[in-house]
Amino acid sequence: MSSLSNIRHQIRQLTFAEQLRLLEDLVIVVCQQAKAQPKRSILELKGLGKEVWQGIDAQAYVDQERESWNG
């Protein structure tokens, strides 16, 4: 039996109140870990995928898209 399966089995043996307490504790642990993660900046995406647009005229692309909206 894997560790996770063993833990799940043990959780099922707990009373409802104990399961709720465990859930509360897990939420606290996970929230603390999430807060410890470094914040990401939207600027990290700058230039991502730019090779897709190489050789494409931006205005011509926008004009083509607008034309497609008109049916």
PDB file of N, CA and C in Angstrom:
ATOM      1  N   MET A   1       0.860  -1.180   0.000  1.00  0.00           N
ATOM      2  CA  MET A   1       0.000   0.000   0.000  1.00  0.00           C
ATOM      3  C   MET A   1       0.902   1.238   0.000  1.00  0.00           C
ATOM      4  N   SER A   2       0.639   2.171  -0.901  1.00  0.00           N
ATOM      5  CA  SER A   2       1.453   3.384  -0.972  1.00  0.00           C
ATOM      6  C   SER A   2       1.188   4.277   0.233  1.00  0.00           C
ATOM      7  N   SER A   3       2.083   5.213   0.449  1.00  0.00           N
ATOM      8  CA  SER A   3       1.936   6.137   1.583  1.00  0.00           C
ATOM      9  C   SER A   3       0.620   6.901   1.507  1.00  0.00           C
ATOM     10  N   LEU A   4       0.284   7.376   0.306  1.00  0.00           N
ATOM     11  CA  LEU A   4      -0.949   8.145   0.149  1.00  0.00           C
ATOM     12  C   LEU A   4      -2.169   7.269   0.415  1.00  0.00           C
ATOM     13  N   SER A   5      -2.149   6.059  -0.092  1.00  0.00           N
ATOM     14  CA  SER A   5      -3.268   5.142   0.161  1.00  0.00           C
ATOM     15  C   SER A   5      -3.388   4.849   1.647  1.00  0.00           C
ATOM     16  N   ASN A   6      -2.258   4.686   2.310  1.00  0.00           N
ATOM     17  CA  ASN A   6      -2.253   4.427   3.743  1.00  0.00           C
ATOM     18  C   ASN A   6      -2.842   5.610   4.504  1.00  0.00           C
ATOM     19  N   ILE A   7      -2.464   6.808   4.106  1.00  0.00           N
ATOM     20  CA  ILE A   7      -2.995   8.017   4.755  1.00  0.00           C
ATOM     21  C   ILE A   7      -4.498   8.117   4.542  1.00  0.00           C
ATOM     22  N   ARG A   8      -4.947   7.863   3.317  1.00  0.00           N
ATOM     23  CA  ARG A   8      -6.396   7.908   3.042  1.00  0.00           C
ATOM     24  C   ARG A   8      -7.146   6.903   3.907  1.00  0.00           C
ATOM     25  N   HIS A   9      -6.580   5.723   4.046  1.00  0.00           N
ATOM     26  CA  HIS A   9      -7.211   4.690   4.871  1.00  0.00           C
ATOM     27  C   HIS A   9      -7.310   5.170   6.321  1.00  0.00           C
ATOM     28  N   GLN A  10      -6.233   5.773   6.816  1.00  0.00           N
ATOM     29  CA  GLN A  10      -6.234   6.269   8.191  1.00  0.00           C
ATOM     30  C   GLN A  10      -7.249   7.390   8.374  1.00  0.00           C
ATOM     31  N   ILE A  11      -7.386   8.243   7.381  1.00  0.00           N
ATOM     32  CA  ILE A  11      -8.352   9.346   7.467  1.00  0.00           C
ATOM     33  C   ILE A  11      -9.769   8.808   7.586  1.00  0.00           C
ATOM     34  N   ARG A  12     -10.061   7.754   6.847  1.00  0.00           N
ATOM     35  CA  ARG A  12     -11.409   7.170   6.906  1.00  0.00           C
ATOM     36  C   ARG A  12     -11.732   6.617   8.294  1.00  0.00           C
ATOM     37  N   GLN A  13     -10.702   6.313   9.068  1.00  0.00           N
ATOM     38  CA  GLN A  13     -10.903   5.775  10.413  1.00  0.00           C
ATOM     39  C   GLN A  13     -11.201   6.877  11.433  1.00  0.00           C
ATOM     40  N   LEU A  14     -10.958   8.119  11.057  1.00  0.00           N
ATOM     41  CA  LEU A  14     -11.192   9.244  11.963  1.00  0.00           C
ATOM     42  C   LEU A  14     -12.681   9.558  12.063  1.00  0.00           C
ATOM     43  N   THR A  15     -13.060  10.189  13.158  1.00  0.00           N
ATOM     44  CA  THR A  15     -14.438  10.661  13.278  1.00  0.00           C
ATOM     45  C   THR A  15     -14.620  11.864  12.350  1.00  0.00           C
ATOM     46  N   PHE A  16     -15.862  12.225  12.128  1.00  0.00           N
ATOM     47  CA  PHE A  16     -16.152  13.372  11.275  1.00  0.00           C
ATOM     48  C   PHE A  16     -15.484  14.632  11.827  1.00  0.00           C
ATOM     49  N   ALA A  17     -15.572  14.833  13.129  1.00  0.00           N
ATOM     50  CA  ALA A  17     -14.964  16.015  13.755  1.00  0.00           C
ATOM     51  C   ALA A  17     -13.445  16.007  13.564  1.00  0.00           C
ATOM     52  N   GLU A  18     -12.829  14.848  13.686  1.00  0.00           N
ATOM     53  CA  GLU A  18     -11.381  14.746  13.489  1.00  0.00           C
ATOM     54  C   GLU A  18     -11.006  15.018  12.033  1.00  0.00           C
ATOM     55  N   GLN A  19     -11.835  14.544  11.122  1.00  0.00           N
ATOM     56  CA  GLN A  19     -11.586  14.802   9.700  1.00  0.00           C
ATOM     57  C   GLN A  19     -11.670  16.295   9.406  1.00  0.00           C
ATOM     58  N   LEU A  20     -12.657  16.972   9.990  1.00  0.00           N
ATOM     59  CA  LEU A  20     -12.778  18.419   9.803  1.00  0.00           C
ATOM     60  C   LEU A  20     -11.561  19.144  10.360  1.00  0.00           C
ATOM     61  N   ARG A  21     -11.099  18.727  11.524  1.00  0.00           N
ATOM     62  CA  ARG A  21      -9.918  19.352  12.136  1.00  0.00           C
ATOM     63  C   ARG A  21      -8.693  19.132  11.249  1.00  0.00           C
ATOM     64  N   LEU A  22      -8.552  17.928  10.724  1.00  0.00           N
ATOM     65  CA  LEU A  22      -7.440  17.622   9.826  1.00  0.00           C
ATOM     66  C   LEU A  22      -7.515  18.495   8.575  1.00  0.00           C
ATOM     67  N   LEU A  23      -8.711  18.646   8.043  1.00  0.00           N
ATOM     68  CA  LEU A  23      -8.902  19.481   6.860  1.00  0.00           C
ATOM     69  C   LEU A  23      -8.508  20.930   7.143  1.00  0.00           C
ATOM     70  N   GLU A  24      -8.913  21.441   8.282  1.00  0.00           N
ATOM     71  CA  GLU A  24      -8.531  22.804   8.669  1.00  0.00           C
ATOM     72  C   GLU A  24      -7.008  22.934   8.745  1.00  0.00           C
ATOM     73  N   ASP A  25      -6.370  21.948   9.365  1.00  0.00           N
ATOM     74  CA  ASP A  25      -4.910  21.974   9.480  1.00  0.00           C
ATOM     75  C   ASP A  25      -4.249  21.925   8.107  1.00  0.00           C
ATOM     76  N   LEU A  26      -4.776  21.108   7.212  1.00  0.00           N
ATOM     77  CA  LEU A  26      -4.218  21.002   5.862  1.00  0.00           C
ATOM     78  C   LEU A  26      -4.367  22.309   5.094  1.00  0.00           C
ATOM     79  N   VAL A  27      -5.497  22.967   5.258  1.00  0.00           N
ATOM     80  CA  VAL A  27      -5.713  24.255   4.591  1.00  0.00           C
ATOM     81  C   VAL A  27      -4.669  25.260   5.063  1.00  0.00           C
ATOM     82  N   ILE A  28      -4.400  25.275   6.348  1.00  0.00           N
ATOM     83  CA  ILE A  28      -3.398  26.195   6.892  1.00  0.00           C
ATOM     84  C   ILE A  28      -2.025  25.892   6.308  1.00  0.00           C
ATOM     85  N   VAL A  29      -1.652  24.617   6.273  1.00  0.00           N
ATOM     86  CA  VAL A  29      -0.340  24.223   5.746  1.00  0.00           C
ATOM     87  C   VAL A  29      -0.208  24.613   4.279  1.00  0.00           C
ATOM     88  N   VAL A  30      -1.234  24.321   3.486  1.00  0.00           N
ATOM     89  CA  VAL A  30      -1.180  24.617   2.052  1.00  0.00           C
ATOM     90  C   VAL A  30      -1.151  26.127   1.811  1.00  0.00           C
ATOM     91  N   CYS A  31      -1.925  26.880   2.564  1.00  0.00           N
ATOM     92  CA  CYS A  31      -1.921  28.343   2.412  1.00  0.00           C
ATOM     93  C   CYS A  31      -0.558  28.924   2.752  1.00  0.00           C
ATOM     94  N   GLN A  32       0.080  28.402   3.787  1.00  0.00           N
ATOM     95  CA  GLN A  32       1.412  28.880   4.153  1.00  0.00           C
ATOM     96  C   GLN A  32       2.410  28.587   3.040  1.00  0.00           C
ATOM     97  N   GLN A  33       2.305  27.409   2.445  1.00  0.00           N
ATOM     98  CA  GLN A  33       3.206  27.058   1.351  1.00  0.00           C
ATOM     99  C   GLN A  33       2.953  27.942   0.136  1.00  0.00           C
ATOM    100  N   ALA A  34       1.688  28.242  -0.125  1.00  0.00           N
ATOM    101  CA  ALA A  34       1.352  29.091  -1.272  1.00  0.00           C
ATOM    102  C   ALA A  34       1.909  30.500  -1.072  1.00  0.00           C
ATOM    103  N   LYS A  35       1.839  31.005   0.146  1.00  0.00           N
ATOM    104  CA  LYS A  35       2.363  32.340   0.437  1.00  0.00           C
ATOM    105  C   LYS A  35       3.878  32.375   0.317  1.00  0.00           C
ATOM    106  N   ALA A  36       4.524  31.244   0.563  1.00  0.00           N
ATOM    107  CA  ALA A  36       5.986  31.176   0.508  1.00  0.00           C
ATOM    108  C   ALA A  36       6.507  31.172  -0.931  1.00  0.00           C
ATOM    109  N   GLN A  37       5.622  30.885  -1.889  1.00  0.00           N
ATOM    110  CA  GLN A  37       6.028  30.870  -3.290  1.00  0.00           C
ATOM    111  C   GLN A  37       6.323  32.294  -3.742  1.00  0.00           C
ATOM    112  N   PRO A  38       7.370  32.478  -4.529  1.00  0.00           N
ATOM    113  CA  PRO A  38       7.677  33.833  -5.003  1.00  0.00           C
ATOM    114  C   PRO A  38       6.576  34.349  -5.925  1.00  0.00           C
ATOM    115  N   LYS A  39       6.299  35.632  -5.814  1.00  0.00           N
ATOM    116  CA  LYS A  39       5.308  36.265  -6.689  1.00  0.00           C
ATOM    117  C   LYS A  39       5.861  36.297  -8.102  1.00  0.00           C
ATOM    118  N   ARG A  40       4.985  36.104  -9.065  1.00  0.00           N
ATOM    119  CA  ARG A  40       5.390  36.146 -10.465  1.00  0.00           C
ATOM    120  C   ARG A  40       4.952  37.476 -11.058  1.00  0.00           C
ATOM    121  N   SER A  41       5.688  37.932 -12.024  1.00  0.00           N
ATOM    122  CA  SER A  41       5.374  39.189 -12.687  1.00  0.00           C
ATOM    123  C   SER A  41       4.889  38.905 -14.105  1.00  0.00           C
ATOM    124  N   ILE A  42       3.897  39.642 -14.540  1.00  0.00           N
ATOM    125  CA  ILE A  42       3.404  39.516 -15.909  1.00  0.00           C
ATOM    126  C   ILE A  42       4.518  39.841 -16.898  1.00  0.00           C
ATOM    127  N   LEU A  43       5.472  40.626 -16.460  1.00  0.00           N
ATOM    128  CA  LEU A  43       6.579  41.016 -17.336  1.00  0.00           C
ATOM    129  C   LEU A  43       7.474  39.833 -17.701  1.00  0.00           C
ATOM    130  N   GLU A  44       7.385  38.743 -16.943  1.00  0.00           N
ATOM    131  CA  GLU A  44       8.156  37.548 -17.269  1.00  0.00           C
ATOM    132  C   GLU A  44       7.720  36.954 -18.610  1.00  0.00           C
ATOM    133  N   LEU A  45       6.527  37.292 -19.044  1.00  0.00           N
ATOM    134  CA  LEU A  45       6.000  36.764 -20.302  1.00  0.00           C
ATOM    135  C   LEU A  45       6.430  37.584 -21.512  1.00  0.00           C
ATOM    136  N   LYS A  46       7.095  38.698 -21.266  1.00  0.00           N
ATOM    137  CA  LYS A  46       7.507  39.580 -22.360  1.00  0.00           C
ATOM    138  C   LYS A  46       8.343  38.805 -23.376  1.00  0.00           C
ATOM    139  N   GLY A  47       7.935  38.890 -24.623  1.00  0.00           N
ATOM    140  CA  GLY A  47       8.665  38.248 -25.712  1.00  0.00           C
ATOM    141  C   GLY A  47       8.319  36.788 -25.921  1.00  0.00           C
ATOM    142  N   LEU A  48       7.527  36.210 -25.038  1.00  0.00           N
ATOM    143  CA  LEU A  48       7.166  34.805 -25.169  1.00  0.00           C
ATOM    144  C   LEU A  48       6.297  34.595 -26.407  1.00  0.00           C
ATOM    145  N   GLY A  49       6.700  33.717 -27.278  1.00  0.00           N
ATOM    146  CA  GLY A  49       5.943  33.417 -28.487  1.00  0.00           C
ATOM    147  C   GLY A  49       6.152  34.398 -29.616  1.00  0.00           C
ATOM    148  N   LYS A  50       7.126  35.276 -29.486  1.00  0.00           N
ATOM    149  CA  LYS A  50       7.315  36.296 -30.521  1.00  0.00           C
ATOM    150  C   LYS A  50       7.678  35.684 -31.864  1.00  0.00           C
ATOM    151  N   GLU A  51       8.268  34.485 -31.848  1.00  0.00           N
ATOM    152  CA  GLU A  51       8.642  33.851 -33.118  1.00  0.00           C
ATOM    153  C   GLU A  51       7.415  33.503 -33.959  1.00  0.00           C
ATOM    154  N   VAL A  52       6.272  33.345 -33.323  1.00  0.00           N
ATOM    155  CA  VAL A  52       5.034  33.031 -34.043  1.00  0.00           C
ATOM    156  C   VAL A  52       4.646  34.186 -34.966  1.00  0.00           C
ATOM    157  N   TRP A  53       4.955  35.406 -34.563  1.00  0.00           N
ATOM    158  CA  TRP A  53       4.542  36.596 -35.302  1.00  0.00           C
ATOM    159  C   TRP A  53       5.602  37.098 -36.272  1.00  0.00           C
ATOM    160  N   GLN A  54       6.733  36.417 -36.328  1.00  0.00           N
ATOM    161  CA  GLN A  54       7.804  36.855 -37.216  1.00  0.00           C
ATOM    162  C   GLN A  54       7.338  36.804 -38.666  1.00  0.00           C
ATOM    163  N   GLY A  55       7.551  37.877 -39.385  1.00  0.00           N
ATOM    164  CA  GLY A  55       7.182  37.938 -40.790  1.00  0.00           C
ATOM    165  C   GLY A  55       5.718  38.264 -41.039  1.00  0.00           C
ATOM    166  N   ILE A  56       4.966  38.555 -39.980  1.00  0.00           N
ATOM    167  CA  ILE A  56       3.547  38.889 -40.132  1.00  0.00           C
ATOM    168  C   ILE A  56       3.376  40.381 -39.883  1.00  0.00           C
ATOM    169  N   ASP A  57       2.721  41.048 -40.831  1.00  0.00           N
ATOM    170  CA  ASP A  57       2.448  42.478 -40.681  1.00  0.00           C
ATOM    171  C   ASP A  57       1.295  42.650 -39.691  1.00  0.00           C
ATOM    172  N   ALA A  58       1.558  43.331 -38.584  1.00  0.00           N
ATOM    173  CA  ALA A  58       0.575  43.472 -37.520  1.00  0.00           C
ATOM    174  C   ALA A  58      -0.708  44.138 -38.004  1.00  0.00           C
ATOM    175  N   GLN A  59      -0.582  45.204 -38.770  1.00  0.00           N
ATOM    176  CA  GLN A  59      -1.774  45.918 -39.235  1.00  0.00           C
ATOM    177  C   GLN A  59      -2.583  45.055 -40.192  1.00  0.00           C
ATOM    178  N   ALA A  60      -1.911  44.334 -41.073  1.00  0.00           N
ATOM    179  CA  ALA A  60      -2.617  43.447 -42.001  1.00  0.00           C
ATOM    180  C   ALA A  60      -3.356  42.353 -41.230  1.00  0.00           C
ATOM    181  N   TYR A  61      -2.744  41.849 -40.179  1.00  0.00           N
ATOM    182  CA  TYR A  61      -3.385  40.821 -39.359  1.00  0.00           C
ATOM    183  C   TYR A  61      -4.635  41.376 -38.683  1.00  0.00           C
ATOM    184  N   VAL A  62      -4.514  42.566 -38.096  1.00  0.00           N
ATOM    185  CA  VAL A  62      -5.660  43.186 -37.425  1.00  0.00           C
ATOM    186  C   VAL A  62      -6.774  43.463 -38.426  1.00  0.00           C
ATOM    187  N   ASP A  63      -6.419  43.974 -39.593  1.00  0.00           N
ATOM    188  CA  ASP A  63      -7.422  44.240 -40.629  1.00  0.00           C
ATOM    189  C   ASP A  63      -8.141  42.955 -41.029  1.00  0.00           C
ATOM    190  N   GLN A  64      -7.396  41.883 -41.179  1.00  0.00           N
ATOM    191  CA  GLN A  64      -7.982  40.590 -41.556  1.00  0.00           C
ATOM    192  C   GLN A  64      -8.932  40.090 -40.465  1.00  0.00           C
ATOM    193  N   GLU A  65      -8.532  40.228 -39.212  1.00  0.00           N
ATOM    194  CA  GLU A  65      -9.394  39.809 -38.103  1.00  0.00           C
ATOM    195  C   GLU A  65     -10.681  40.625 -38.073  1.00  0.00           C
ATOM    196  N   ARG A  66     -10.567  41.932 -38.239  1.00  0.00           N
ATOM    197  CA  ARG A  66     -11.751  42.793 -38.223  1.00  0.00           C
ATOM    198  C   ARG A  66     -12.688  42.439 -39.367  1.00  0.00           C
ATOM    199  N   GLU A  67     -12.117  42.127 -40.501  1.00  0.00           N
ATOM    200  CA  GLU A  67     -12.932  41.754 -41.661  1.00  0.00           C
ATOM    201  C   GLU A  67     -13.701  40.458 -41.383  1.00  0.00           C
ATOM    202  N   SER A  68     -13.083  39.538 -40.660  1.00  0.00           N
ATOM    203  CA  SER A  68     -13.749  38.262 -40.364  1.00  0.00           C
ATOM    204  C   SER A  68     -14.941  38.452 -39.430  1.00  0.00           C
ATOM    205  N   TRP A  69     -14.943  39.523 -38.636  1.00  0.00           N
ATOM    206  CA  TRP A  69     -16.051  39.790 -37.736  1.00  0.00           C
ATOM    207  C   TRP A  69     -17.301  40.204 -38.505  1.00  0.00           C
ATOM    208  N   ASN A  70     -17.102  40.785 -39.668  1.00  0.00           N
ATOM    209  CA  ASN A  70     -18.226  41.292 -40.449  1.00  0.00           C
ATOM    210  C   ASN A  70     -18.884  40.210 -41.296  1.00  0.00           C
ATOM    211  N   GLY A  71     -18.385  39.011 -41.202  1.00  0.00           N
ATOM    212  CA  GLY A  71     -19.011  37.895 -41.895  1.00  0.00           C
ATOM    213  C   GLY A  71     -18.507  37.737 -43.263  1.00  0.00           C
TER     214      GLY A  71
END
